[in-house]
Amino acid sequence: MSILFTIISFIVALGVLITFHEFGHYVVARWNGVKVLRFSIGFGQPIFRRRWGKDQTEWIVAAIPLGGYVKMLDETEGKVEPADLPRAFNRQPVKRRFAIVAAGPIANFLLAIVLYWMLFILGVDGMKPILGPVVPETPAAVAQFEAGETIVSIENESVASWQDARWTLLRYAIDQASRISVETVNERGQTNWRELDLSGIHPDEVDENFLATMGFNIHQPIIEPIIAEVIPDGAGYYAGLLVGDEILAVNGDEIINWIELVHVIRDNPDKILQMVVLRNDQVIDIDITPESASERGKKIGKIGIVPEVNQAEFDAMLVKVTYPPGTAVIKATEKTWETTVLTFQMLSKMIMGDVSWKNVSGPISIADYAGQSAQMGLVSYLAFLALISVSLAVLNLLPIPVLDGGHLMYYVIEIIRGKPLSERAMMIGQGIGLAMLFTLMTFAIYNDIDRLITG
């Protein structure tokens, strides 16, 4: 994946999300008769500038695409002509100001609903929720789940794919549910109910490896340890492995399938492995040293070989989840709500110290996710946009001065007091808000750099 493709995917994502957010402010401001002076996507030097409309609003696209703003007529920011005073933002009743500020995050929530609606109509590809080998001494093992079972529902919520299963389990884990009921069907068509104990799951374990923590493995068709491709310049290439070779044993241990072979190679970086290979009905011995590579900060081995895969068996594992337009609206709204609640819960647990701040992603990670999702196709990119749109809305609703949520907090105080806060109190709040945002951004960028260094 090229850096240019990643950058373009990131800029397009930011452009869409920021435009909708600021357009929410703009539309509601106009509905309430407030004069809008400028609508800017991005900061810094303008690369596009044009005025139009009755008020000659200035429309700008700026060079730094990391935000945007809508500048409204306001006496606190400059002199206002007497004829325009009724259209100044600061002259509006507090309820109108509240609506104008809240419109930005609301626009992002609405965008997420539209994106999820499109996703559910187009269809979301996934893997059927069929269990592979259950990891011993895990919650799944204690609940006596068995390989080959298909998860049908969790707490009476239907499950169609592993994505559904992971999302639902994640919600209950973050809610700190102690036990949940899971319905499965085995290969003989028999229905089973399992009581899954979540009480031992620490909030900090709710990450991308959550299913493995629970003890679940995704069922995969058996792949024979037969080589279909040897990557040039890899360890396998230099050791003399060829297409069609079948790996019979490594270091004296029999190899039954490709997964076993992968585990042995990954666990032995820079160590000599003695392979027994079947080639053209002849058994030969080959010594090979896996090259060392970094994955999530862990050292693993690789030799550069690709297995022979029965594509029909893998296709049979796939499922496409689609809904008619009407049902898709309901599903999209539910998905947006669930994502919002989950995001707020994760943030609250970070603040309380229950979840590591390493989960905070900065612009480098988000750009990487944008590029990866775009490369995977339209559906993946839409899902990424929907998730980030919700995240942007939630971030802006946090009661931090300088964010929309901070302004909404001021307006709530004004409604309770019957008068606005003093200018000094607001200035102090702005300073605190900027310090909090700087701290959050420092965490995010540090995490980005740490991920780059540790792989």
Protein backbone atom coordinates (compact mmCIF):
# COMPACT_ATOMS: atom_id res chain seq x y z
CA MET A 1 0.00 0.00 0.00
CA SER A 2 1.57 3.28 -1.09
CA ILE A 3 2.00 6.24 1.26
CA LEU A 4 0.26 8.45 -1.32
CA PHE A 5 -2.82 6.20 -1.34
CA THR A 6 -2.92 6.28 2.48
CA ILE A 7 -2.63 10.08 2.55
CA ILE A 8 -5.39 10.52 -0.06
CA SER A 9 -7.70 8.09 1.82
CA PHE A 10 -7.04 10.00 5.05
CA ILE A 11 -7.67 13.42 3.51
CA VAL A 12 -10.90 12.25 1.84
CA ALA A 13 -12.11 10.79 5.16
CA LEU A 14 -11.30 13.99 7.06
CA GLY A 15 -12.86 16.12 4.34
CA VAL A 16 -16.15 14.22 4.46
CA LEU A 17 -16.37 14.12 8.27
CA ILE A 18 -15.35 17.74 8.85
CA THR A 19 -17.61 19.06 6.08
CA PHE A 20 -20.67 17.33 7.56
CA HIS A 21 -19.78 18.51 11.05
CA GLU A 22 -19.36 22.16 10.06
CA PHE A 23 -22.36 22.04 7.72
CA GLY A 24 -24.48 21.05 10.74
CA HIS A 25 -23.42 24.27 12.50
CA TYR A 26 -23.96 26.28 9.31
CA VAL A 27 -27.46 25.02 8.50
CA VAL A 28 -28.86 25.46 12.01
CA ALA A 29 -27.24 28.91 12.29
CA ARG A 30 -28.97 29.96 9.06
CA TRP A 31 -32.29 28.45 10.23
CA ASN A 32 -32.05 30.66 13.30
CA GLY A 33 -31.27 33.79 11.29
CA VAL A 34 -27.59 34.08 12.33
CA LYS A 35 -25.29 35.62 9.74
CA VAL A 36 -22.42 33.31 8.73
CA LEU A 37 -19.24 35.12 7.70
CA ARG A 38 -16.99 32.17 6.85
CA PHE A 39 -17.21 28.40 6.30
CA SER A 40 -13.73 26.85 6.34
CA ILE A 41 -12.61 23.27 5.81
CA GLY A 42 -9.07 23.06 7.18
CA PHE A 43 -6.78 25.65 8.75
CA GLY A 44 -3.93 27.80 7.53
CA GLN A 45 -3.34 29.17 4.03
CA PRO A 46 -6.49 29.00 1.84
CA ILE A 47 -6.08 26.99 -1.38
CA PHE A 48 -9.66 27.76 -2.48
CA ARG A 49 -11.70 30.84 -1.59
CA ARG A 50 -15.03 32.06 -2.91
CA ARG A 51 -17.91 34.27 -1.72
CA TRP A 52 -21.53 33.63 -2.56
CA GLY A 53 -25.04 33.82 -1.18
CA LYS A 54 -27.12 36.73 0.08
CA ASP A 55 -24.70 37.34 2.95
CA GLN A 56 -21.61 36.82 0.78
CA THR A 57 -20.39 34.06 3.05
CA GLU A 58 -16.71 33.25 2.47
CA TRP A 59 -16.20 29.55 1.58
CA ILE A 60 -12.66 28.31 2.11
CA VAL A 61 -10.67 25.11 1.68
CA ALA A 62 -7.40 25.53 3.59
CA ALA A 63 -4.04 23.74 3.40
CA ILE A 64 -4.11 21.88 6.76
CA PRO A 65 -7.06 19.43 6.67
CA LEU A 66 -7.12 18.69 10.43
CA GLY A 67 -10.32 20.53 11.29
CA GLY A 68 -12.57 23.34 10.23
CA TYR A 69 -14.81 26.08 11.56
CA VAL A 70 -17.87 28.22 10.89
CA LYS A 71 -17.35 31.88 11.77
CA MET A 72 -20.57 33.68 12.66
CA LEU A 73 -21.30 37.34 13.23
CA ASP A 74 -20.50 37.96 16.91
CA GLU A 75 -19.96 41.13 18.95
CA THR A 76 -17.31 39.38 21.05
CA GLU A 77 -15.14 38.97 17.95
CA GLY A 78 -15.51 42.35 16.29
CA LYS A 79 -17.66 45.37 15.61
CA VAL A 80 -21.17 44.66 14.31
CA GLU A 81 -23.22 47.13 12.32
CA PRO A 82 -26.42 48.20 14.13
CA ALA A 83 -28.61 46.76 11.34
CA ASP A 84 -26.98 43.36 11.78
CA LEU A 85 -27.20 43.16 15.58
CA PRO A 86 -30.33 40.92 15.58
CA ARG A 87 -28.36 38.43 13.44
CA ALA A 88 -25.32 38.26 15.75
CA PHE A 89 -24.70 34.88 17.40
CA ASN A 90 -24.18 36.38 20.86
CA ARG A 91 -27.58 38.13 20.66
CA GLN A 92 -29.45 34.83 20.21
CA PRO A 93 -31.38 33.22 23.09
CA VAL A 94 -29.35 30.53 24.86
CA LYS A 95 -31.53 27.73 23.47
CA ARG A 96 -30.74 28.82 19.91
CA ARG A 97 -27.02 29.01 20.64
CA PHE A 98 -27.23 25.57 22.20
CA ALA A 99 -28.93 24.17 19.06
CA ILE A 100 -26.36 25.75 16.73
CA VAL A 101 -23.39 24.33 18.65
CA ALA A 102 -24.99 20.89 19.14
CA ALA A 103 -25.76 20.66 15.41
CA GLY A 104 -22.16 19.77 14.54
CA PRO A 105 -21.95 16.53 16.55
CA ILE A 106 -25.55 15.70 15.63
CA ALA A 107 -24.60 15.99 11.94
CA ASN A 108 -21.83 13.42 12.51
CA PHE A 109 -24.28 11.05 14.20
CA LEU A 110 -26.66 11.43 11.25
CA LEU A 111 -23.80 10.81 8.82
CA ALA A 112 -22.93 7.61 10.69
CA ILE A 113 -26.55 6.44 10.42
CA VAL A 114 -26.54 7.09 6.66
CA LEU A 115 -23.22 5.28 6.21
CA TYR A 116 -24.34 2.26 8.27
CA TRP A 117 -27.62 2.27 6.32
CA MET A 118 -25.66 2.07 3.06
CA LEU A 119 -23.52 -0.70 4.54
CA PHE A 120 -26.50 -2.80 5.57
CA ILE A 121 -28.07 -2.42 2.12
CA LEU A 122 -24.84 -3.20 0.23
CA GLY A 123 -24.18 -6.14 2.55
CA VAL A 124 -21.40 -6.74 5.03
CA ASP A 125 -19.11 -9.69 4.30
CA GLY A 126 -18.03 -11.76 7.26
CA MET A 127 -17.07 -15.19 8.52
CA LYS A 128 -19.75 -17.54 9.82
CA PRO A 129 -19.48 -17.69 13.64
CA ILE A 130 -18.28 -21.29 13.73
CA LEU A 131 -15.94 -22.19 16.58
CA GLY A 132 -12.47 -23.54 16.02
CA PRO A 133 -10.47 -25.21 18.81
CA VAL A 134 -11.34 -23.66 22.18
CA VAL A 135 -8.35 -22.41 24.20
CA PRO A 136 -8.00 -24.37 27.47
CA GLU A 137 -8.48 -22.61 30.83
CA THR A 138 -10.38 -19.66 29.35
CA PRO A 139 -13.99 -18.51 29.90
CA ALA A 140 -15.02 -20.31 26.68
CA ALA A 141 -13.46 -23.57 27.90
CA VAL A 142 -15.10 -23.27 31.34
CA ALA A 143 -18.47 -22.76 29.60
CA GLN A 144 -17.76 -26.00 27.65
CA PHE A 145 -17.94 -24.54 24.14
CA GLU A 146 -16.84 -27.07 21.53
CA ALA A 147 -15.11 -26.80 18.18
CA GLY A 148 -17.58 -26.97 15.29
CA GLU A 149 -20.42 -25.22 17.14
CA THR A 150 -22.02 -22.18 15.48
CA ILE A 151 -22.98 -19.20 17.65
CA VAL A 152 -26.64 -18.37 16.92
CA SER A 153 -27.45 -15.70 19.51
CA ILE A 154 -26.04 -13.88 22.53
CA GLU A 155 -28.55 -12.81 25.17
CA ASN A 156 -31.27 -13.46 22.54
CA GLU A 157 -29.58 -11.06 20.07
CA SER A 158 -29.16 -12.88 16.76
CA VAL A 159 -25.60 -13.36 15.51
CA ALA A 160 -24.85 -13.78 11.79
CA SER A 161 -21.06 -13.39 11.66
CA TRP A 162 -17.94 -13.29 13.79
CA GLN A 163 -18.09 -9.48 13.57
CA ASP A 164 -21.55 -9.60 15.19
CA ALA A 165 -20.33 -12.01 17.86
CA ARG A 166 -17.26 -9.95 18.72
CA TRP A 167 -19.22 -6.68 18.83
CA THR A 168 -21.94 -8.12 21.09
CA LEU A 169 -19.47 -9.81 23.46
CA LEU A 170 -17.48 -6.58 23.57
CA ARG A 171 -20.51 -4.56 24.65
CA TYR A 172 -21.34 -6.92 27.49
CA ALA A 173 -17.70 -7.06 28.62
CA ILE A 174 -17.44 -3.26 28.76
CA ASP A 175 -20.78 -3.16 30.62
CA GLN A 176 -19.04 -5.54 33.06
CA ALA A 177 -21.80 -8.12 32.82
CA SER A 178 -20.91 -11.08 35.04
CA ARG A 179 -22.60 -13.82 32.99
CA ILE A 180 -24.26 -13.92 29.58
CA SER A 181 -26.23 -16.62 27.79
CA VAL A 182 -24.98 -17.85 24.42
CA GLU A 183 -27.00 -20.09 22.09
CA THR A 184 -25.09 -22.45 19.77
CA VAL A 185 -25.91 -25.17 17.27
CA ASN A 186 -23.53 -28.10 16.83
CA GLU A 187 -22.71 -30.02 13.66
CA ARG A 188 -25.57 -32.45 14.36
CA GLY A 189 -28.13 -29.62 14.54
CA GLN A 190 -28.52 -29.78 18.31
CA THR A 191 -29.11 -26.51 20.17
CA ASN A 192 -27.04 -25.77 23.28
CA TRP A 193 -27.12 -22.90 25.77
CA ARG A 194 -23.84 -21.83 27.36
CA GLU A 195 -23.37 -19.54 30.36
CA LEU A 196 -20.29 -17.45 29.59
CA ASP A 197 -18.59 -15.92 32.62
CA LEU A 198 -17.19 -12.44 31.91
CA SER A 199 -16.42 -11.50 35.50
CA GLY A 200 -12.72 -12.34 35.14
CA ILE A 201 -12.21 -10.09 32.09
CA HIS A 202 -10.32 -6.92 32.98
CA PRO A 203 -11.41 -3.79 31.04
CA ASP A 204 -7.83 -3.42 29.78
CA GLU A 205 -8.19 -6.79 28.00
CA VAL A 206 -11.00 -5.48 25.82
CA ASP A 207 -8.84 -4.95 22.73
CA GLU A 208 -8.35 -6.35 19.24
CA ASN A 209 -7.39 -9.75 20.75
CA PHE A 210 -10.57 -9.90 22.83
CA LEU A 211 -11.93 -13.09 21.23
CA ALA A 212 -8.66 -14.89 21.92
CA THR A 213 -8.77 -13.67 25.53
CA MET A 214 -12.22 -15.23 25.83
CA GLY A 215 -10.81 -18.47 24.41
CA PHE A 216 -12.49 -18.40 21.01
CA ASN A 217 -10.78 -19.35 17.76
CA ILE A 218 -12.40 -18.88 14.37
CA HIS A 219 -12.98 -22.19 12.61
CA GLN A 220 -10.89 -22.57 9.49
CA PRO A 221 -10.88 -25.40 6.95
CA ILE A 222 -7.91 -27.73 7.35
CA ILE A 223 -5.04 -26.53 5.17
CA GLU A 224 -2.54 -29.21 4.22
CA PRO A 225 1.12 -28.28 4.83
CA ILE A 226 1.78 -28.12 1.07
CA ILE A 227 3.62 -25.14 -0.43
CA ALA A 228 1.85 -23.28 -3.25
CA GLU A 229 4.28 -20.35 -3.50
CA VAL A 230 7.81 -19.56 -2.36
CA ILE A 231 8.52 -15.85 -1.89
CA PRO A 232 11.77 -14.77 -3.62
CA ASP A 233 14.58 -13.74 -1.26
CA GLY A 234 12.84 -15.34 1.73
CA ALA A 235 14.39 -17.91 4.07
CA GLY A 236 12.43 -20.70 2.38
CA TYR A 237 13.73 -19.67 -1.05
CA TYR A 238 17.38 -19.73 0.07
CA ALA A 239 16.91 -23.03 1.93
CA GLY A 240 15.74 -24.68 -1.30
CA LEU A 241 12.01 -25.19 -0.63
CA LEU A 242 9.96 -25.61 -3.83
CA VAL A 243 6.33 -25.30 -4.89
CA GLY A 244 4.57 -28.63 -4.23
CA ASP A 245 6.74 -29.58 -1.24
CA GLU A 246 4.79 -31.13 1.65
CA ILE A 247 6.21 -30.53 5.14
CA LEU A 248 6.02 -33.80 7.09
CA ALA A 249 7.86 -32.89 10.29
CA VAL A 250 9.90 -30.14 11.98
CA ASN A 251 12.57 -30.92 14.58
CA GLY A 252 11.21 -34.46 14.84
CA ASP A 253 7.58 -33.40 15.50
CA GLU A 254 4.95 -34.45 12.95
CA ILE A 255 3.17 -31.63 11.12
CA ILE A 256 -0.52 -32.33 10.48
CA ASN A 257 -1.70 -29.02 9.01
CA TRP A 258 -0.49 -25.59 7.94
CA ILE A 259 -1.47 -23.90 11.23
CA GLU A 260 0.91 -26.17 13.16
CA LEU A 261 3.70 -25.30 10.74
CA VAL A 262 3.03 -21.57 11.12
CA HIS A 263 3.18 -21.81 14.93
CA VAL A 264 6.54 -23.62 14.84
CA ILE A 265 8.05 -21.08 12.43
CA ARG A 266 6.71 -18.05 14.33
CA ASP A 267 8.02 -19.38 17.65
CA ASN A 268 11.58 -19.92 16.37
CA PRO A 269 13.01 -16.73 14.84
CA ASP A 270 16.73 -16.98 14.00
CA LYS A 271 16.83 -20.66 15.09
CA ILE A 272 17.74 -23.56 12.78
CA LEU A 273 14.77 -25.83 12.05
CA GLN A 274 15.24 -29.35 10.68
CA MET A 275 12.43 -30.03 8.20
CA VAL A 276 11.40 -33.34 6.69
CA VAL A 277 9.92 -32.66 3.26
CA LEU A 278 8.08 -34.90 0.78
CA ARG A 279 9.03 -33.96 -2.79
CA ASN A 280 8.07 -36.04 -5.83
CA ASP A 281 7.50 -39.13 -3.63
CA GLN A 282 10.95 -38.71 -2.08
CA VAL A 283 11.60 -37.73 1.55
CA ILE A 284 14.40 -35.19 1.97
CA ASP A 285 15.85 -33.22 4.89
CA ILE A 286 16.16 -29.42 4.74
CA ASP A 287 17.62 -27.09 7.38
CA ILE A 288 16.07 -23.63 7.48
CA THR A 289 16.48 -20.56 9.73
CA PRO A 290 13.35 -18.36 9.98
CA GLU A 291 14.01 -14.67 9.52
CA SER A 292 13.22 -12.44 12.49
CA ALA A 293 10.35 -9.94 12.19
CA SER A 294 8.48 -7.70 14.63
CA GLU A 295 4.74 -8.01 15.22
CA ARG A 296 3.05 -5.89 17.92
CA GLY A 297 6.35 -5.61 19.73
CA LYS A 298 6.98 -9.37 19.69
CA LYS A 299 9.77 -11.10 17.78
CA ILE A 300 8.46 -13.78 15.38
CA GLY A 301 9.89 -16.00 12.64
CA LYS A 302 9.00 -15.99 8.92
CA ILE A 303 10.29 -18.08 5.99
CA GLY A 304 8.26 -16.70 3.07
CA ILE A 305 6.04 -19.56 1.92
CA VAL A 306 2.33 -19.62 0.98
CA PRO A 307 -0.04 -22.61 1.42
CA GLU A 308 -2.17 -24.41 -1.11
CA VAL A 309 -5.76 -23.38 -0.32
CA ASN A 310 -9.05 -24.98 -1.32
CA GLN A 311 -10.90 -21.76 -2.16
CA ALA A 312 -14.30 -23.47 -2.29
CA GLU A 313 -13.98 -24.50 1.37
CA PHE A 314 -13.12 -20.95 2.40
CA ASP A 315 -15.94 -19.46 0.34
CA ALA A 316 -18.34 -21.75 2.19
CA MET A 317 -17.24 -20.07 5.43
CA LEU A 318 -18.29 -16.61 4.23
CA VAL A 319 -21.63 -14.95 4.85
CA LYS A 320 -23.05 -11.69 3.50
CA VAL A 321 -25.41 -9.89 5.87
CA THR A 322 -27.91 -7.60 4.09
CA TYR A 323 -31.19 -5.93 5.04
CA PRO A 324 -34.02 -4.27 3.07
CA PRO A 325 -33.94 -0.42 3.16
CA GLY A 326 -36.56 -0.04 5.89
CA THR A 327 -34.96 -2.56 8.24
CA ALA A 328 -31.53 -1.12 7.40
CA VAL A 329 -32.59 2.27 8.81
CA ILE A 330 -33.49 0.67 12.15
CA LYS A 331 -30.30 -1.41 12.19
CA ALA A 332 -28.17 1.63 11.27
CA THR A 333 -29.71 3.71 14.06
CA GLU A 334 -29.17 0.91 16.57
CA LYS A 335 -25.57 0.45 15.42
CA THR A 336 -24.85 4.19 15.75
CA TRP A 337 -26.37 4.27 19.23
CA GLU A 338 -24.44 1.18 20.37
CA THR A 339 -21.18 2.56 18.97
CA THR A 340 -21.79 5.88 20.73
CA VAL A 341 -22.48 4.23 24.08
CA LEU A 342 -19.46 1.96 23.68
CA THR A 343 -17.21 4.94 22.87
CA PHE A 344 -18.41 6.90 25.91
CA GLN A 345 -17.90 3.83 28.11
CA MET A 346 -14.34 3.34 26.85
CA LEU A 347 -13.56 7.02 27.45
CA SER A 348 -14.96 6.91 30.98
CA LYS A 349 -12.91 3.81 31.78
CA MET A 350 -9.77 5.51 30.44
CA ILE A 351 -10.45 8.51 32.69
CA MET A 352 -11.02 6.21 35.69
CA GLY A 353 -7.81 4.32 34.87
CA ASP A 354 -9.54 0.99 34.15
CA VAL A 355 -8.45 0.99 30.49
CA SER A 356 -5.00 1.88 29.19
CA TRP A 357 -4.51 5.18 27.35
CA LYS A 358 -2.59 3.16 24.76
CA ASN A 359 -5.98 2.62 23.12
CA VAL A 360 -6.00 6.29 22.04
CA SER A 361 -5.05 6.63 18.37
CA GLY A 362 -3.54 9.71 16.76
CA PRO A 363 -3.51 10.99 13.17
CA ILE A 364 -0.83 8.53 12.01
CA SER A 365 -2.80 5.48 13.15
CA ILE A 366 -6.07 6.88 11.80
CA ALA A 367 -4.42 7.57 8.43
CA ASP A 368 -3.11 4.00 8.39
CA TYR A 369 -6.59 2.61 9.15
CA ALA A 370 -8.04 4.84 6.42
CA GLY A 371 -5.58 3.49 3.85
CA GLN A 372 -6.09 -0.13 4.88
CA SER A 373 -9.89 0.10 4.82
CA ALA A 374 -9.91 1.89 1.45
CA GLN A 375 -7.66 -0.77 -0.01
CA MET A 376 -10.06 -3.48 1.21
CA GLY A 377 -12.96 -1.93 -0.71
CA LEU A 378 -15.94 0.42 -0.48
CA VAL A 379 -17.76 -1.47 2.29
CA SER A 380 -14.71 -1.44 4.60
CA TYR A 381 -14.07 2.24 3.91
CA LEU A 382 -17.71 3.15 4.65
CA ALA A 383 -17.51 1.20 7.93
CA PHE A 384 -14.32 3.11 8.83
CA LEU A 385 -15.98 6.46 8.03
CA ALA A 386 -19.05 5.60 10.12
CA LEU A 387 -16.92 4.61 13.13
CA ILE A 388 -14.74 7.74 12.92
CA SER A 389 -17.84 9.93 12.45
CA VAL A 390 -19.25 8.63 15.73
CA SER A 391 -15.85 9.08 17.42
CA LEU A 392 -15.65 12.68 16.17
CA ALA A 393 -19.16 13.41 17.46
CA VAL A 394 -18.38 11.91 20.87
CA LEU A 395 -15.06 13.76 21.13
CA ASN A 396 -16.75 17.06 20.36
CA LEU A 397 -19.44 16.44 22.99
CA LEU A 398 -16.89 16.07 25.80
CA PRO A 399 -17.34 18.94 28.31
CA ILE A 400 -13.96 20.44 27.48
CA PRO A 401 -13.80 24.19 26.82
CA VAL A 402 -12.83 24.98 23.18
CA LEU A 403 -14.81 21.90 22.04
CA ASP A 404 -18.53 21.97 21.23
CA GLY A 405 -19.22 20.11 24.47
CA GLY A 406 -17.46 22.84 26.44
CA HIS A 407 -19.69 25.51 24.92
CA LEU A 408 -22.77 23.39 25.60
CA MET A 409 -21.60 23.10 29.23
CA TYR A 410 -21.40 26.91 29.43
CA TYR A 411 -24.94 27.20 28.04
CA VAL A 412 -26.31 24.70 30.56
CA ILE A 413 -24.72 26.75 33.35
CA GLU A 414 -26.23 29.89 31.82
CA ILE A 415 -29.70 28.30 31.75
CA ILE A 416 -29.35 27.28 35.43
CA ARG A 417 -27.89 30.63 36.59
CA GLY A 418 -30.13 32.76 34.41
CA LYS A 419 -27.08 34.64 33.10
CA PRO A 420 -23.85 33.71 31.27
CA LEU A 421 -20.52 33.09 32.95
CA SER A 422 -18.13 36.00 33.26
CA GLU A 423 -15.64 36.62 30.50
CA ARG A 424 -12.80 35.85 32.94
CA ALA A 425 -14.30 32.46 33.84
CA MET A 426 -14.63 31.61 30.16
CA MET A 427 -11.02 32.64 29.46
CA ILE A 428 -9.78 30.41 32.30
CA GLY A 429 -11.92 27.59 30.91
CA GLN A 430 -10.42 28.09 27.45
CA GLY A 431 -6.91 27.77 28.87
CA ILE A 432 -7.81 24.59 30.75
CA GLY A 433 -9.48 23.18 27.62
CA LEU A 434 -6.44 23.86 25.46
CA ALA A 435 -4.18 22.19 28.05
CA MET A 436 -6.45 19.12 28.14
CA LEU A 437 -6.53 18.88 24.34
CA PHE A 438 -2.75 19.26 24.16
CA THR A 439 -2.34 16.45 26.72
CA LEU A 440 -4.75 14.19 24.79
CA MET A 441 -2.96 14.92 21.52
CA THR A 442 0.42 14.20 23.16
CA PHE A 443 -0.86 10.78 24.30
CA ALA A 444 -2.23 10.04 20.82
CA ILE A 445 0.96 11.00 18.98
CA TYR A 446 3.11 9.12 21.51
CA ASN A 447 0.98 6.00 20.94
CA ASP A 448 1.34 6.43 17.17
CA ILE A 449 5.12 6.65 17.41
CA ASP A 450 5.24 3.72 19.84
CA ARG A 451 3.22 1.57 17.41
CA LEU A 452 5.58 2.51 14.56
CA ILE A 453 8.67 1.63 16.60
CA THR A 454 7.36 -1.64 18.09
CA GLY A 455 5.58 -2.73 14.89
